[in-house]
Amino acid sequence: MYLAVLFFQSTSANKRRGSTSRSTRTVNPKLGFLGLFGFAGFLGFWTYRVDQAIFPFVFFVFFGFFGFFYEGKMSNTLIDERYKENKMRAQSTANKTALSIIFLQY
């Protein structure tokens, strides 16, 4: 419960800071290398066949850390109209892709 409250407080503080900030947040691009752990998820195919263990599939979550590399490279960039437009276009493309994957699944 405590972690949920901390997460909520952090999220609301970031939203407030994001609306008044004139530059992007600072992120260390080295966090992107944690994405390499995502390849360990492929071990799940072998372990499932051997002893029905599905735990290694959890490592696929680490593929999301590759995004920190690109965000780290864009740290402290001035937020202007062009930046906002590109951000909206990227979010729109990602949402369309996710929605089409969801519909293809059914």
PDB file of N, CA and C in Angstrom:
ATOM      1  N   MET A   1       0.829  -1.188   0.000  1.00  0.00           N
ATOM      2  CA  MET A   1       0.000   0.000   0.000  1.00  0.00           C
ATOM      3  C   MET A   1       0.877   1.257   0.000  1.00  0.00           C
ATOM      4  N   TYR A   2       1.949   1.202   0.791  1.00  0.00           N
ATOM      5  CA  TYR A   2       2.859   2.342   0.879  1.00  0.00           C
ATOM      6  C   TYR A   2       3.501   2.633  -0.472  1.00  0.00           C
ATOM      7  N   LEU A   3       3.884   1.577  -1.200  1.00  0.00           N
ATOM      8  CA  LEU A   3       4.486   1.763  -2.516  1.00  0.00           C
ATOM      9  C   LEU A   3       3.504   2.394  -3.500  1.00  0.00           C
ATOM     10  N   ALA A   4       2.245   2.026  -3.390  1.00  0.00           N
ATOM     11  CA  ALA A   4       1.229   2.601  -4.266  1.00  0.00           C
ATOM     12  C   ALA A   4       1.074   4.098  -3.995  1.00  0.00           C
ATOM     13  N   VAL A   5       1.109   4.487  -2.731  1.00  0.00           N
ATOM     14  CA  VAL A   5       1.003   5.904  -2.379  1.00  0.00           C
ATOM     15  C   VAL A   5       2.228   6.672  -2.888  1.00  0.00           C
ATOM     16  N   LEU A   6       3.414   6.092  -2.720  1.00  0.00           N
ATOM     17  CA  LEU A   6       4.627   6.744  -3.223  1.00  0.00           C
ATOM     18  C   LEU A   6       4.589   6.900  -4.741  1.00  0.00           C
ATOM     19  N   PHE A   7       4.109   5.875  -5.421  1.00  0.00           N
ATOM     20  CA  PHE A   7       4.000   5.936  -6.876  1.00  0.00           C
ATOM     21  C   PHE A   7       3.046   7.042  -7.298  1.00  0.00           C
ATOM     22  N   PHE A   8       1.910   7.143  -6.620  1.00  0.00           N
ATOM     23  CA  PHE A   8       0.927   8.173  -6.944  1.00  0.00           C
ATOM     24  C   PHE A   8       1.497   9.564  -6.704  1.00  0.00           C
ATOM     25  N   GLN A   9       2.199   9.765  -5.577  1.00  0.00           N
ATOM     26  CA  GLN A   9       2.784  11.065  -5.281  1.00  0.00           C
ATOM     27  C   GLN A   9       3.856  11.439  -6.303  1.00  0.00           C
ATOM     28  N   SER A  10       4.666  10.474  -6.670  1.00  0.00           N
ATOM     29  CA  SER A  10       5.715  10.726  -7.651  1.00  0.00           C
ATOM     30  C   SER A  10       5.130  11.080  -9.007  1.00  0.00           C
ATOM     31  N   THR A  11       4.095  10.367  -9.402  1.00  0.00           N
ATOM     32  CA  THR A  11       3.450  10.618 -10.692  1.00  0.00           C
ATOM     33  C   THR A  11       2.830  12.008 -10.725  1.00  0.00           C
ATOM     34  N   SER A  12       2.131  12.384  -9.668  1.00  0.00           N
ATOM     35  CA  SER A  12       1.495  13.702  -9.649  1.00  0.00           C
ATOM     36  C   SER A  12       2.540  14.815  -9.605  1.00  0.00           C
ATOM     37  N   ALA A  13       3.650  14.605  -8.895  1.00  0.00           N
ATOM     38  CA  ALA A  13       4.710  15.618  -8.855  1.00  0.00           C
ATOM     39  C   ALA A  13       5.358  15.761 -10.223  1.00  0.00           C
ATOM     40  N   ASN A  14       5.566  14.645 -10.929  1.00  0.00           N
ATOM     41  CA  ASN A  14       6.160  14.708 -12.269  1.00  0.00           C
ATOM     42  C   ASN A  14       5.235  15.417 -13.252  1.00  0.00           C
ATOM     43  N   LYS A  15       3.928  15.219 -13.120  1.00  0.00           N
ATOM     44  CA  LYS A  15       2.994  15.893 -14.014  1.00  0.00           C
ATOM     45  C   LYS A  15       3.018  17.398 -13.788  1.00  0.00           C
ATOM     46  N   ARG A  16       3.059  17.810 -12.505  1.00  0.00           N
ATOM     47  CA  ARG A  16       3.112  19.235 -12.210  1.00  0.00           C
ATOM     48  C   ARG A  16       4.409  19.847 -12.724  1.00  0.00           C
ATOM     49  N   ARG A  17       5.508  19.167 -12.487  1.00  0.00           N
ATOM     50  CA  ARG A  17       6.806  19.666 -12.926  1.00  0.00           C
ATOM     51  C   ARG A  17       6.894  19.665 -14.450  1.00  0.00           C
ATOM     52  N   GLY A  18       6.297  18.666 -15.091  1.00  0.00           N
ATOM     53  CA  GLY A  18       6.335  18.569 -16.540  1.00  0.00           C
ATOM     54  C   GLY A  18       5.565  19.668 -17.232  1.00  0.00           C
ATOM     55  N   SER A  19       4.488  20.132 -16.625  1.00  0.00           N
ATOM     56  CA  SER A  19       3.689  21.174 -17.257  1.00  0.00           C
ATOM     57  C   SER A  19       4.346  22.547 -17.144  1.00  0.00           C
ATOM     58  N   THR A  20       5.214  22.747 -16.162  1.00  0.00           N
ATOM     59  CA  THR A  20       5.863  24.040 -15.993  1.00  0.00           C
ATOM     60  C   THR A  20       7.302  24.038 -16.483  1.00  0.00           C
ATOM     61  N   SER A  21       7.858  22.880 -16.753  1.00  0.00           N
ATOM     62  CA  SER A  21       9.255  22.788 -17.164  1.00  0.00           C
ATOM     63  C   SER A  21       9.437  23.220 -18.606  1.00  0.00           C
ATOM     64  N   ARG A  22      10.607  23.785 -18.889  1.00  0.00           N
ATOM     65  CA  ARG A  22      10.913  24.214 -20.249  1.00  0.00           C
ATOM     66  C   ARG A  22      11.923  23.293 -20.914  1.00  0.00           C
ATOM     67  N   SER A  23      12.343  22.243 -20.200  1.00  0.00           N
ATOM     68  CA  SER A  23      13.272  21.275 -20.785  1.00  0.00           C
ATOM     69  C   SER A  23      12.896  19.875 -20.315  1.00  0.00           C
ATOM     70  N   THR A  24      13.375  18.877 -21.037  1.00  0.00           N
ATOM     71  CA  THR A  24      13.041  17.492 -20.712  1.00  0.00           C
ATOM     72  C   THR A  24      13.780  17.055 -19.454  1.00  0.00           C
ATOM     73  N   ARG A  25      13.309  15.967 -18.857  1.00  0.00           N
ATOM     74  CA  ARG A  25      13.915  15.487 -17.619  1.00  0.00           C
ATOM     75  C   ARG A  25      15.277  14.852 -17.898  1.00  0.00           C
ATOM     76  N   THR A  26      16.077  14.778 -16.849  1.00  0.00           N
ATOM     77  CA  THR A  26      17.415  14.221 -16.968  1.00  0.00           C
ATOM     78  C   THR A  26      17.385  12.742 -16.625  1.00  0.00           C
ATOM     79  N   VAL A  27      17.807  11.917 -17.561  1.00  0.00           N
ATOM     80  CA  VAL A  27      17.850  10.471 -17.376  1.00  0.00           C
ATOM     81  C   VAL A  27      19.222   9.990 -17.825  1.00  0.00           C
ATOM     82  N   ASN A  28      19.780   9.052 -17.083  1.00  0.00           N
ATOM     83  CA  ASN A  28      21.064   8.493 -17.457  1.00  0.00           C
ATOM     84  C   ASN A  28      20.858   7.496 -18.604  1.00  0.00           C
ATOM     85  N   PRO A  29      21.486   7.708 -19.754  1.00  0.00           N
ATOM     86  CA  PRO A  29      21.277   6.800 -20.883  1.00  0.00           C
ATOM     87  C   PRO A  29      21.822   5.398 -20.641  1.00  0.00           C
ATOM     88  N   LYS A  30      22.654   5.218 -19.633  1.00  0.00           N
ATOM     89  CA  LYS A  30      23.194   3.890 -19.336  1.00  0.00           C
ATOM     90  C   LYS A  30      22.114   2.938 -18.824  1.00  0.00           C
ATOM     91  N   LEU A  31      20.978   3.480 -18.376  1.00  0.00           N
ATOM     92  CA  LEU A  31      19.861   2.615 -17.966  1.00  0.00           C
ATOM     93  C   LEU A  31      19.337   1.805 -19.150  1.00  0.00           C
ATOM     94  N   GLY A  32      19.565   2.272 -20.347  1.00  0.00           N
ATOM     95  CA  GLY A  32      19.120   1.565 -21.542  1.00  0.00           C
ATOM     96  C   GLY A  32      19.785   0.215 -21.707  1.00  0.00           C
ATOM     97  N   PHE A  33      20.974   0.059 -21.157  1.00  0.00           N
ATOM     98  CA  PHE A  33      21.660  -1.222 -21.271  1.00  0.00           C
ATOM     99  C   PHE A  33      20.979  -2.330 -20.462  1.00  0.00           C
ATOM    100  N   LEU A  34      20.099  -1.963 -19.534  1.00  0.00           N
ATOM    101  CA  LEU A  34      19.319  -2.976 -18.814  1.00  0.00           C
ATOM    102  C   LEU A  34      18.365  -3.709 -19.757  1.00  0.00           C
ATOM    103  N   GLY A  35      18.105  -3.114 -20.900  1.00  0.00           N
ATOM    104  CA  GLY A  35      17.254  -3.766 -21.897  1.00  0.00           C
ATOM    105  C   GLY A  35      17.850  -5.050 -22.425  1.00  0.00           C
ATOM    106  N   LEU A  36      19.147  -5.196 -22.307  1.00  0.00           N
ATOM    107  CA  LEU A  36      19.789  -6.431 -22.769  1.00  0.00           C
ATOM    108  C   LEU A  36      19.333  -7.644 -21.961  1.00  0.00           C
ATOM    109  N   PHE A  37      18.882  -7.413 -20.718  1.00  0.00           N
ATOM    110  CA  PHE A  37      18.353  -8.519 -19.922  1.00  0.00           C
ATOM    111  C   PHE A  37      17.087  -9.104 -20.547  1.00  0.00           C
ATOM    112  N   GLY A  38      16.435  -8.359 -21.420  1.00  0.00           N
ATOM    113  CA  GLY A  38      15.231  -8.850 -22.083  1.00  0.00           C
ATOM    114  C   GLY A  38      15.502 -10.084 -22.923  1.00  0.00           C
ATOM    115  N   PHE A  39      16.721 -10.216 -23.444  1.00  0.00           N
ATOM    116  CA  PHE A  39      17.051 -11.393 -24.238  1.00  0.00           C
ATOM    117  C   PHE A  39      17.053 -12.666 -23.397  1.00  0.00           C
ATOM    118  N   ALA A  40      17.171 -12.527 -22.063  1.00  0.00           N
ATOM    119  CA  ALA A  40      17.101 -13.698 -21.186  1.00  0.00           C
ATOM    120  C   ALA A  40      15.697 -14.314 -21.203  1.00  0.00           C
ATOM    121  N   GLY A  41      14.707 -13.569 -21.652  1.00  0.00           N
ATOM    122  CA  GLY A  41      13.355 -14.098 -21.749  1.00  0.00           C
ATOM    123  C   GLY A  41      13.242 -15.240 -22.736  1.00  0.00           C
ATOM    124  N   PHE A  42      14.134 -15.274 -23.712  1.00  0.00           N
ATOM    125  CA  PHE A  42      14.101 -16.373 -24.672  1.00  0.00           C
ATOM    126  C   PHE A  42      14.486 -17.705 -24.030  1.00  0.00           C
ATOM    127  N   LEU A  43      15.097 -17.663 -22.850  1.00  0.00           N
ATOM    128  CA  LEU A  43      15.390 -18.904 -22.121  1.00  0.00           C
ATOM    129  C   LEU A  43      14.100 -19.614 -21.706  1.00  0.00           C
ATOM    130  N   GLY A  44      13.016 -18.853 -21.628  1.00  0.00           N
ATOM    131  CA  GLY A  44      11.740 -19.435 -21.240  1.00  0.00           C
ATOM    132  C   GLY A  44      11.267 -20.521 -22.181  1.00  0.00           C
ATOM    133  N   PHE A  45      11.584 -20.399 -23.462  1.00  0.00           N
ATOM    134  CA  PHE A  45      11.170 -21.434 -24.399  1.00  0.00           C
ATOM    135  C   PHE A  45      11.865 -22.758 -24.094  1.00  0.00           C
ATOM    136  N   TRP A  46      13.128 -22.678 -23.692  1.00  0.00           N
ATOM    137  CA  TRP A  46      13.874 -23.901 -23.360  1.00  0.00           C
ATOM    138  C   TRP A  46      13.425 -24.474 -22.017  1.00  0.00           C
ATOM    139  N   THR A  47      13.291 -23.620 -20.980  1.00  0.00           N
ATOM    140  CA  THR A  47      12.924 -24.126 -19.653  1.00  0.00           C
ATOM    141  C   THR A  47      11.500 -24.657 -19.623  1.00  0.00           C
ATOM    142  N   TYR A  48      10.612 -24.063 -20.415  1.00  0.00           N
ATOM    143  CA  TYR A  48       9.241 -24.563 -20.423  1.00  0.00           C
ATOM    144  C   TYR A  48       9.188 -25.969 -21.001  1.00  0.00           C
ATOM    145  N   ARG A  49       9.985 -26.214 -22.011  1.00  0.00           N
ATOM    146  CA  ARG A  49      10.013 -27.540 -22.612  1.00  0.00           C
ATOM    147  C   ARG A  49      10.629 -28.569 -21.659  1.00  0.00           C
ATOM    148  N   VAL A  50      11.638 -28.138 -20.872  1.00  0.00           N
ATOM    149  CA  VAL A  50      12.358 -29.064 -20.010  1.00  0.00           C
ATOM    150  C   VAL A  50      11.585 -29.361 -18.730  1.00  0.00           C
ATOM    151  N   ASP A  51      11.206 -28.315 -17.975  1.00  0.00           N
ATOM    152  CA  ASP A  51      10.570 -28.564 -16.676  1.00  0.00           C
ATOM    153  C   ASP A  51       9.312 -27.721 -16.426  1.00  0.00           C
ATOM    154  N   GLN A  52       8.703 -27.207 -17.483  1.00  0.00           N
ATOM    155  CA  GLN A  52       7.447 -26.447 -17.403  1.00  0.00           C
ATOM    156  C   GLN A  52       7.575 -25.167 -16.573  1.00  0.00           C
ATOM    157  N   ALA A  53       8.780 -24.601 -16.448  1.00  0.00           N
ATOM    158  CA  ALA A  53       8.993 -23.345 -15.707  1.00  0.00           C
ATOM    159  C   ALA A  53       8.813 -22.166 -16.662  1.00  0.00           C
ATOM    160  N   ILE A  54       7.958 -21.235 -16.285  1.00  0.00           N
ATOM    161  CA  ILE A  54       7.695 -20.083 -17.145  1.00  0.00           C
ATOM    162  C   ILE A  54       8.354 -18.815 -16.624  1.00  0.00           C
ATOM    163  N   PHE A  55       9.100 -18.892 -15.532  1.00  0.00           N
ATOM    164  CA  PHE A  55       9.715 -17.708 -14.934  1.00  0.00           C
ATOM    165  C   PHE A  55      10.585 -16.900 -15.901  1.00  0.00           C
ATOM    166  N   PRO A  56      11.430 -17.506 -16.734  1.00  0.00           N
ATOM    167  CA  PRO A  56      12.289 -16.689 -17.604  1.00  0.00           C
ATOM    168  C   PRO A  56      11.535 -15.778 -18.574  1.00  0.00           C
ATOM    169  N   PHE A  57      10.278 -16.055 -18.847  1.00  0.00           N
ATOM    170  CA  PHE A  57       9.508 -15.172 -19.730  1.00  0.00           C
ATOM    171  C   PHE A  57       9.351 -13.779 -19.125  1.00  0.00           C
ATOM    172  N   VAL A  58       9.492 -13.664 -17.810  1.00  0.00           N
ATOM    173  CA  VAL A  58       9.375 -12.375 -17.130  1.00  0.00           C
ATOM    174  C   VAL A  58      10.456 -11.411 -17.620  1.00  0.00           C
ATOM    175  N   PHE A  59      11.585 -11.916 -18.049  1.00  0.00           N
ATOM    176  CA  PHE A  59      12.679 -11.061 -18.485  1.00  0.00           C
ATOM    177  C   PHE A  59      12.324 -10.256 -19.741  1.00  0.00           C
ATOM    178  N   PHE A  60      11.284 -10.636 -20.465  1.00  0.00           N
ATOM    179  CA  PHE A  60      10.872  -9.857 -21.630  1.00  0.00           C
ATOM    180  C   PHE A  60      10.476  -8.434 -21.230  1.00  0.00           C
ATOM    181  N   VAL A  61      10.118  -8.228 -19.963  1.00  0.00           N
ATOM    182  CA  VAL A  61       9.756  -6.900 -19.474  1.00  0.00           C
ATOM    183  C   VAL A  61      10.936  -5.937 -19.619  1.00  0.00           C
ATOM    184  N   PHE A  62      12.157  -6.436 -19.519  1.00  0.00           N
ATOM    185  CA  PHE A  62      13.337  -5.582 -19.577  1.00  0.00           C
ATOM    186  C   PHE A  62      13.538  -4.937 -20.950  1.00  0.00           C
ATOM    187  N   PHE A  63      12.879  -5.422 -21.985  1.00  0.00           N
ATOM    188  CA  PHE A  63      13.010  -4.783 -23.294  1.00  0.00           C
ATOM    189  C   PHE A  63      12.560  -3.324 -23.235  1.00  0.00           C
ATOM    190  N   GLY A  64      11.679  -2.996 -22.317  1.00  0.00           N
ATOM    191  CA  GLY A  64      11.224  -1.619 -22.164  1.00  0.00           C
ATOM    192  C   GLY A  64      12.313  -0.659 -21.741  1.00  0.00           C
ATOM    193  N   PHE A  65      13.392  -1.167 -21.154  1.00  0.00           N
ATOM    194  CA  PHE A  65      14.464  -0.295 -20.690  1.00  0.00           C
ATOM    195  C   PHE A  65      15.254   0.302 -21.850  1.00  0.00           C
ATOM    196  N   PHE A  66      15.132  -0.246 -23.059  1.00  0.00           N
ATOM    197  CA  PHE A  66      15.820   0.344 -24.203  1.00  0.00           C
ATOM    198  C   PHE A  66      15.338   1.774 -24.441  1.00  0.00           C
ATOM    199  N   GLY A  67      14.117   2.085 -24.035  1.00  0.00           N
ATOM    200  CA  GLY A  67      13.600   3.438 -24.182  1.00  0.00           C
ATOM    201  C   GLY A  67      14.365   4.460 -23.362  1.00  0.00           C
ATOM    202  N   PHE A  68      14.933   4.038 -22.234  1.00  0.00           N
ATOM    203  CA  PHE A  68      15.708   4.960 -21.407  1.00  0.00           C
ATOM    204  C   PHE A  68      16.966   5.435 -22.130  1.00  0.00           C
ATOM    205  N   PHE A  69      17.507   4.617 -23.022  1.00  0.00           N
ATOM    206  CA  PHE A  69      18.684   5.041 -23.774  1.00  0.00           C
ATOM    207  C   PHE A  69      18.365   6.270 -24.616  1.00  0.00           C
ATOM    208  N   TYR A  70      17.266   6.205 -25.356  1.00  0.00           N
ATOM    209  CA  TYR A  70      16.894   7.321 -26.215  1.00  0.00           C
ATOM    210  C   TYR A  70      16.436   8.527 -25.409  1.00  0.00           C
ATOM    211  N   GLU A  71      15.733   8.283 -24.315  1.00  0.00           N
ATOM    212  CA  GLU A  71      15.310   9.396 -23.477  1.00  0.00           C
ATOM    213  C   GLU A  71      16.507  10.062 -22.818  1.00  0.00           C
ATOM    214  N   GLY A  72      17.511   9.270 -22.458  1.00  0.00           N
ATOM    215  CA  GLY A  72      18.717   9.832 -21.872  1.00  0.00           C
ATOM    216  C   GLY A  72      19.484  10.690 -22.856  1.00  0.00           C
ATOM    217  N   LYS A  73      19.477  10.288 -24.124  1.00  0.00           N
ATOM    218  CA  LYS A  73      20.150  11.085 -25.150  1.00  0.00           C
ATOM    219  C   LYS A  73      19.429  12.412 -25.389  1.00  0.00           C
ATOM    220  N   MET A  74      18.149  12.461 -25.082  1.00  0.00           N
ATOM    221  CA  MET A  74      17.376  13.687 -25.275  1.00  0.00           C
ATOM    222  C   MET A  74      17.224  14.488 -23.983  1.00  0.00           C
ATOM    223  N   SER A  75      17.981  14.147 -22.943  1.00  0.00           N
ATOM    224  CA  SER A  75      17.884  14.851 -21.667  1.00  0.00           C
ATOM    225  C   SER A  75      18.241  16.325 -21.818  1.00  0.00           C
ATOM    226  N   ASN A  76      17.541  17.139 -21.062  1.00  0.00           N
ATOM    227  CA  ASN A  76      17.757  18.590 -21.019  1.00  0.00           C
ATOM    228  C   ASN A  76      17.582  19.262 -22.377  1.00  0.00           C
ATOM    229  N   THR A  77      16.722  18.716 -23.212  1.00  0.00           N
ATOM    230  CA  THR A  77      16.399  19.336 -24.492  1.00  0.00           C
ATOM    231  C   THR A  77      15.301  20.370 -24.277  1.00  0.00           C
ATOM    232  N   LEU A  78      15.419  21.490 -24.941  1.00  0.00           N
ATOM    233  CA  LEU A  78      14.418  22.537 -24.818  1.00  0.00           C
ATOM    234  C   LEU A  78      13.088  22.061 -25.384  1.00  0.00           C
ATOM    235  N   ILE A  79      12.020  22.251 -24.634  1.00  0.00           N
ATOM    236  CA  ILE A  79      10.683  21.871 -25.084  1.00  0.00           C
ATOM    237  C   ILE A  79      10.080  23.052 -25.831  1.00  0.00           C
ATOM    238  N   ASP A  80       9.907  22.901 -27.122  1.00  0.00           N
ATOM    239  CA  ASP A  80       9.283  23.928 -27.938  1.00  0.00           C
ATOM    240  C   ASP A  80       8.112  23.313 -28.702  1.00  0.00           C
ATOM    241  N   GLU A  81       7.549  24.085 -29.619  1.00  0.00           N
ATOM    242  CA  GLU A  81       6.374  23.602 -30.352  1.00  0.00           C
ATOM    243  C   GLU A  81       6.704  22.389 -31.205  1.00  0.00           C
ATOM    244  N   ARG A  82       7.876  22.388 -31.820  1.00  0.00           N
ATOM    245  CA  ARG A  82       8.249  21.260 -32.668  1.00  0.00           C
ATOM    246  C   ARG A  82       8.420  19.990 -31.836  1.00  0.00           C
ATOM    247  N   TYR A  83       9.010  20.121 -30.652  1.00  0.00           N
ATOM    248  CA  TYR A  83       9.186  18.973 -29.757  1.00  0.00           C
ATOM    249  C   TYR A  83       7.823  18.398 -29.366  1.00  0.00           C
ATOM    250  N   LYS A  84       6.893  19.276 -29.014  1.00  0.00           N
ATOM    251  CA  LYS A  84       5.554  18.827 -28.613  1.00  0.00           C
ATOM    252  C   LYS A  84       4.835  18.145 -29.776  1.00  0.00           C
ATOM    253  N   GLU A  85       4.991  18.691 -30.979  1.00  0.00           N
ATOM    254  CA  GLU A  85       4.349  18.085 -32.149  1.00  0.00           C
ATOM    255  C   GLU A  85       4.918  16.698 -32.431  1.00  0.00           C
ATOM    256  N   ASN A  86       6.236  16.559 -32.369  1.00  0.00           N
ATOM    257  CA  ASN A  86       6.865  15.256 -32.593  1.00  0.00           C
ATOM    258  C   ASN A  86       6.471  14.254 -31.514  1.00  0.00           C
ATOM    259  N   LYS A  87       6.336  14.720 -30.287  1.00  0.00           N
ATOM    260  CA  LYS A  87       5.922  13.836 -29.197  1.00  0.00           C
ATOM    261  C   LYS A  87       4.497  13.332 -29.423  1.00  0.00           C
ATOM    262  N   MET A  88       3.612  14.229 -29.821  1.00  0.00           N
ATOM    263  CA  MET A  88       2.226  13.826 -30.082  1.00  0.00           C
ATOM    264  C   MET A  88       2.149  12.854 -31.255  1.00  0.00           C
ATOM    265  N   ARG A  89       2.946  13.082 -32.305  1.00  0.00           N
ATOM    266  CA  ARG A  89       2.953  12.189 -33.462  1.00  0.00           C
ATOM    267  C   ARG A  89       3.461  10.801 -33.071  1.00  0.00           C
ATOM    268  N   ALA A  90       4.508  10.753 -32.249  1.00  0.00           N
ATOM    269  CA  ALA A  90       5.050   9.469 -31.810  1.00  0.00           C
ATOM    270  C   ALA A  90       4.054   8.720 -30.928  1.00  0.00           C
ATOM    271  N   GLN A  91       3.373   9.439 -30.035  1.00  0.00           N
ATOM    272  CA  GLN A  91       2.371   8.796 -29.192  1.00  0.00           C
ATOM    273  C   GLN A  91       1.209   8.279 -30.028  1.00  0.00           C
ATOM    274  N   SER A  92       0.798   9.041 -31.022  1.00  0.00           N
ATOM    275  CA  SER A  92      -0.299   8.615 -31.895  1.00  0.00           C
ATOM    276  C   SER A  92       0.072   7.347 -32.660  1.00  0.00           C
ATOM    277  N   THR A  93       1.289   7.311 -33.196  1.00  0.00           N
ATOM    278  CA  THR A  93       1.746   6.125 -33.923  1.00  0.00           C
ATOM    279  C   THR A  93       1.813   4.912 -33.011  1.00  0.00           C
ATOM    280  N   ALA A  94       2.320   5.106 -31.787  1.00  0.00           N
ATOM    281  CA  ALA A  94       2.405   3.992 -30.843  1.00  0.00           C
ATOM    282  C   ALA A  94       1.017   3.495 -30.462  1.00  0.00           C
ATOM    283  N   ASN A  95       0.072   4.410 -30.266  1.00  0.00           N
ATOM    284  CA  ASN A  95      -1.287   4.002 -29.912  1.00  0.00           C
ATOM    285  C   ASN A  95      -1.963   3.253 -31.056  1.00  0.00           C
ATOM    286  N   LYS A  96      -1.759   3.716 -32.293  1.00  0.00           N
ATOM    287  CA  LYS A  96      -2.342   3.024 -33.447  1.00  0.00           C
ATOM    288  C   LYS A  96      -1.771   1.620 -33.591  1.00  0.00           C
ATOM    289  N   THR A  97      -0.469   1.495 -33.381  1.00  0.00           N
ATOM    290  CA  THR A  97       0.177   0.190 -33.481  1.00  0.00           C
ATOM    291  C   THR A  97      -0.349  -0.755 -32.396  1.00  0.00           C
ATOM    292  N   ALA A  98      -0.436  -0.265 -31.174  1.00  0.00           N
ATOM    293  CA  ALA A  98      -0.931  -1.107 -30.073  1.00  0.00           C
ATOM    294  C   ALA A  98      -2.380  -1.513 -30.315  1.00  0.00           C
ATOM    295  N   LEU A  99      -3.191  -0.595 -30.799  1.00  0.00           N
ATOM    296  CA  LEU A  99      -4.591  -0.918 -31.060  1.00  0.00           C
ATOM    297  C   LEU A  99      -4.737  -1.942 -32.165  1.00  0.00           C
ATOM    298  N   SER A 100      -3.925  -1.821 -33.209  1.00  0.00           N
ATOM    299  CA  SER A 100      -4.002  -2.806 -34.290  1.00  0.00           C
ATOM    300  C   SER A 100      -3.531  -4.177 -33.830  1.00  0.00           C
ATOM    301  N   ILE A 101      -2.550  -4.223 -32.945  1.00  0.00           N
ATOM    302  CA  ILE A 101      -2.107  -5.517 -32.404  1.00  0.00           C
ATOM    303  C   ILE A 101      -3.209  -6.142 -31.566  1.00  0.00           C
ATOM    304  N   ILE A 102      -3.907  -5.320 -30.806  1.00  0.00           N
ATOM    305  CA  ILE A 102      -5.007  -5.833 -29.980  1.00  0.00           C
ATOM    306  C   ILE A 102      -6.101  -6.405 -30.871  1.00  0.00           C
ATOM    307  N   PHE A 103      -6.458  -5.691 -31.942  1.00  0.00           N
ATOM    308  CA  PHE A 103      -7.512  -6.175 -32.830  1.00  0.00           C
ATOM    309  C   PHE A 103      -7.076  -7.402 -33.606  1.00  0.00           C
ATOM    310  N   LEU A 104      -5.813  -7.480 -33.964  1.00  0.00           N
ATOM    311  CA  LEU A 104      -5.315  -8.678 -34.678  1.00  0.00           C
ATOM    312  C   LEU A 104      -5.315  -9.905 -33.773  1.00  0.00           C
ATOM    313  N   GLN A 105      -5.207  -9.670 -32.491  1.00  0.00           N
ATOM    314  CA  GLN A 105      -5.181 -10.781 -31.544  1.00  0.00           C
ATOM    315  C   GLN A 105      -6.538 -11.502 -31.507  1.00  0.00           C
ATOM    316  N   TYR A 106      -7.609 -10.771 -31.707  1.00  0.00           N
ATOM    317  CA  TYR A 106      -8.940 -11.376 -31.650  1.00  0.00           C
ATOM    318  C   TYR A 106      -9.391 -11.628 -33.029  1.00  0.00           C
TER     319      TYR A 106
END
